[in-house]
Amino acid sequence: MAFLGLILLVALMIPIIGIVIDSPIGRAIARRLEGPEGLPASATDITRRLEAMESEVEELQRSVQLLQEENQFLQRLLEDHSVRPAISPPVNPT
């Protein structure tokens, strides 16, 4: 009788194990058992990329600042031009 119970237990465990392995939990456990290959980049690589991004942001800030200064200059030129009276062309005495 014990032998029949053991066979029945193994027969029932096979589909249960298949369901668990195919589930998201089973896939997560398998990925964890695979090892560090799926880990993100090293800290030095992340630090290098962060420094590159910071330098790009600083350069963009300088570019925006220059564009703002140019825009202010052009605005002042346009305002000065609109305030000044137009110079009439010289009259030719003929």
C-alpha atoms as a PDB file:
ATOM      1  CA  MET A   1       0.000   0.000   0.000  1.00  0.00           C
ATOM      2  CA  ALA A   2       2.850   2.389   0.783  1.00  0.00           C
ATOM      3  CA  PHE A   3       4.348   1.684  -2.628  1.00  0.00           C
ATOM      4  CA  LEU A   4       1.074   2.617  -4.352  1.00  0.00           C
ATOM      5  CA  GLY A   5       0.894   5.828  -2.299  1.00  0.00           C
ATOM      6  CA  LEU A   6       4.437   6.749  -3.341  1.00  0.00           C
ATOM      7  CA  ILE A   7       3.632   6.184  -7.039  1.00  0.00           C
ATOM      8  CA  LEU A   8       0.461   8.279  -6.691  1.00  0.00           C
ATOM      9  CA  LEU A   9       2.442  11.077  -4.982  1.00  0.00           C
ATOM     10  CA  VAL A  10       5.084  11.142  -7.747  1.00  0.00           C
ATOM     11  CA  ALA A  11       2.383  11.061 -10.443  1.00  0.00           C
ATOM     12  CA  LEU A  12       0.636  14.072  -8.894  1.00  0.00           C
ATOM     13  CA  MET A  13       3.858  16.012  -8.304  1.00  0.00           C
ATOM     14  CA  ILE A  14       4.926  15.937 -11.980  1.00  0.00           C
ATOM     15  CA  PRO A  15       2.158  18.268 -13.288  1.00  0.00           C
ATOM     16  CA  ILE A  16       2.405  20.493 -10.195  1.00  0.00           C
ATOM     17  CA  ILE A  17       6.152  20.974 -10.723  1.00  0.00           C
ATOM     18  CA  GLY A  18       5.547  21.698 -14.432  1.00  0.00           C
ATOM     19  CA  ILE A  19       2.997  24.378 -13.579  1.00  0.00           C
ATOM     20  CA  VAL A  20       5.280  26.020 -11.009  1.00  0.00           C
ATOM     21  CA  ILE A  21       8.289  26.021 -13.366  1.00  0.00           C
ATOM     22  CA  ASP A  22       6.242  27.580 -16.175  1.00  0.00           C
ATOM     23  CA  SER A  23       4.813  30.290 -13.898  1.00  0.00           C
ATOM     24  CA  PRO A  24       6.366  33.771 -13.503  1.00  0.00           C
ATOM     25  CA  ILE A  25       7.650  32.766 -10.077  1.00  0.00           C
ATOM     26  CA  GLY A  26       9.436  29.770 -11.573  1.00  0.00           C
ATOM     27  CA  ARG A  27      10.986  31.953 -14.296  1.00  0.00           C
ATOM     28  CA  ALA A  28      12.156  34.474 -11.689  1.00  0.00           C
ATOM     29  CA  ILE A  29      13.792  31.710  -9.673  1.00  0.00           C
ATOM     30  CA  ALA A  30      15.484  30.385 -12.832  1.00  0.00           C
ATOM     31  CA  ARG A  31      16.832  33.847 -13.709  1.00  0.00           C
ATOM     32  CA  ARG A  32      18.187  34.212 -10.183  1.00  0.00           C
ATOM     33  CA  LEU A  33      19.896  30.822 -10.423  1.00  0.00           C
ATOM     34  CA  GLU A  34      21.505  31.742 -13.777  1.00  0.00           C
ATOM     35  CA  GLY A  35      23.921  34.078 -12.048  1.00  0.00           C
ATOM     36  CA  PRO A  36      25.282  37.597 -12.437  1.00  0.00           C
ATOM     37  CA  GLU A  37      25.145  37.681 -16.259  1.00  0.00           C
ATOM     38  CA  GLY A  38      21.868  39.553 -16.174  1.00  0.00           C
ATOM     39  CA  LEU A  39      23.114  42.214 -13.766  1.00  0.00           C
ATOM     40  CA  PRO A  40      23.272  45.859 -14.871  1.00  0.00           C
ATOM     41  CA  ALA A  41      26.527  47.524 -15.891  1.00  0.00           C
ATOM     42  CA  SER A  42      29.284  47.993 -13.374  1.00  0.00           C
ATOM     43  CA  ALA A  43      29.470  51.028 -11.133  1.00  0.00           C
ATOM     44  CA  THR A  44      32.453  52.446 -13.008  1.00  0.00           C
ATOM     45  CA  ASP A  45      30.570  52.292 -16.299  1.00  0.00           C
ATOM     46  CA  ILE A  46      27.562  54.003 -14.748  1.00  0.00           C
ATOM     47  CA  THR A  47      29.811  56.674 -13.219  1.00  0.00           C
ATOM     48  CA  ARG A  48      31.496  57.305 -16.574  1.00  0.00           C
ATOM     49  CA  ARG A  49      28.159  57.647 -18.337  1.00  0.00           C
ATOM     50  CA  LEU A  50      26.853  59.976 -15.637  1.00  0.00           C
ATOM     51  CA  GLU A  51      29.898  62.243 -15.951  1.00  0.00           C
ATOM     52  CA  ALA A  52      29.463  62.361 -19.734  1.00  0.00           C
ATOM     53  CA  MET A  53      25.818  63.311 -19.333  1.00  0.00           C
ATOM     54  CA  GLU A  54      26.689  66.019 -16.798  1.00  0.00           C
ATOM     55  CA  SER A  55      29.234  67.552 -19.174  1.00  0.00           C
ATOM     56  CA  GLU A  56      26.641  67.521 -21.978  1.00  0.00           C
ATOM     57  CA  VAL A  57      24.123  69.258 -19.714  1.00  0.00           C
ATOM     58  CA  GLU A  58      26.674  71.930 -18.812  1.00  0.00           C
ATOM     59  CA  GLU A  59      27.450  72.543 -22.483  1.00  0.00           C
ATOM     60  CA  LEU A  60      23.747  72.782 -23.269  1.00  0.00           C
ATOM     61  CA  GLN A  61      23.304  75.282 -20.437  1.00  0.00           C
ATOM     62  CA  ARG A  62      26.075  77.430 -21.906  1.00  0.00           C
ATOM     63  CA  SER A  63      24.462  77.252 -25.338  1.00  0.00           C
ATOM     64  CA  VAL A  64      21.085  78.251 -23.947  1.00  0.00           C
ATOM     65  CA  GLN A  65      22.677  81.145 -22.070  1.00  0.00           C
ATOM     66  CA  LEU A  66      24.344  82.395 -25.274  1.00  0.00           C
ATOM     67  CA  LEU A  67      21.069  82.120 -27.158  1.00  0.00           C
ATOM     68  CA  GLN A  68      19.299  84.100 -24.444  1.00  0.00           C
ATOM     69  CA  GLU A  69      21.926  86.839 -24.607  1.00  0.00           C
ATOM     70  CA  GLU A  70      21.675  86.987 -28.402  1.00  0.00           C
ATOM     71  CA  ASN A  71      17.898  87.134 -28.190  1.00  0.00           C
ATOM     72  CA  GLN A  72      18.039  89.999 -25.671  1.00  0.00           C
ATOM     73  CA  PHE A  73      20.480  91.883 -27.902  1.00  0.00           C
ATOM     74  CA  LEU A  74      18.249  91.473 -30.945  1.00  0.00           C
ATOM     75  CA  GLN A  75      15.188  92.535 -28.951  1.00  0.00           C
ATOM     76  CA  ARG A  76      16.981  95.704 -27.861  1.00  0.00           C
ATOM     77  CA  LEU A  77      18.001  96.417 -31.452  1.00  0.00           C
ATOM     78  CA  LEU A  78      14.428  95.996 -32.644  1.00  0.00           C
ATOM     79  CA  GLU A  79      13.082  98.215 -29.870  1.00  0.00           C
ATOM     80  CA  ASP A  80      15.666 100.924 -30.553  1.00  0.00           C
ATOM     81  CA  HIS A  81      14.901 100.826 -34.264  1.00  0.00           C
ATOM     82  CA  SER A  82      11.168 101.199 -33.700  1.00  0.00           C
ATOM     83  CA  VAL A  83      11.657 104.152 -31.301  1.00  0.00           C
ATOM     84  CA  ARG A  84      13.946 106.151 -33.585  1.00  0.00           C
ATOM     85  CA  PRO A  85      12.259 108.274 -36.191  1.00  0.00           C
ATOM     86  CA  ALA A  86      12.854 107.146 -39.687  1.00  0.00           C
ATOM     87  CA  ILE A  87      15.390 109.249 -41.530  1.00  0.00           C
ATOM     88  CA  SER A  88      13.852 110.688 -44.631  1.00  0.00           C
ATOM     89  CA  PRO A  89      15.891 110.518 -47.802  1.00  0.00           C
ATOM     90  CA  PRO A  90      17.560 113.742 -48.872  1.00  0.00           C
ATOM     91  CA  VAL A  91      15.557 115.944 -51.153  1.00  0.00           C
ATOM     92  CA  ASN A  92      17.210 116.626 -54.508  1.00  0.00           C
ATOM     93  CA  PRO A  93      16.787 120.251 -55.609  1.00  0.00           C
ATOM     94  CA  THR A  94      16.213 119.911 -59.289  1.00  0.00           C
END
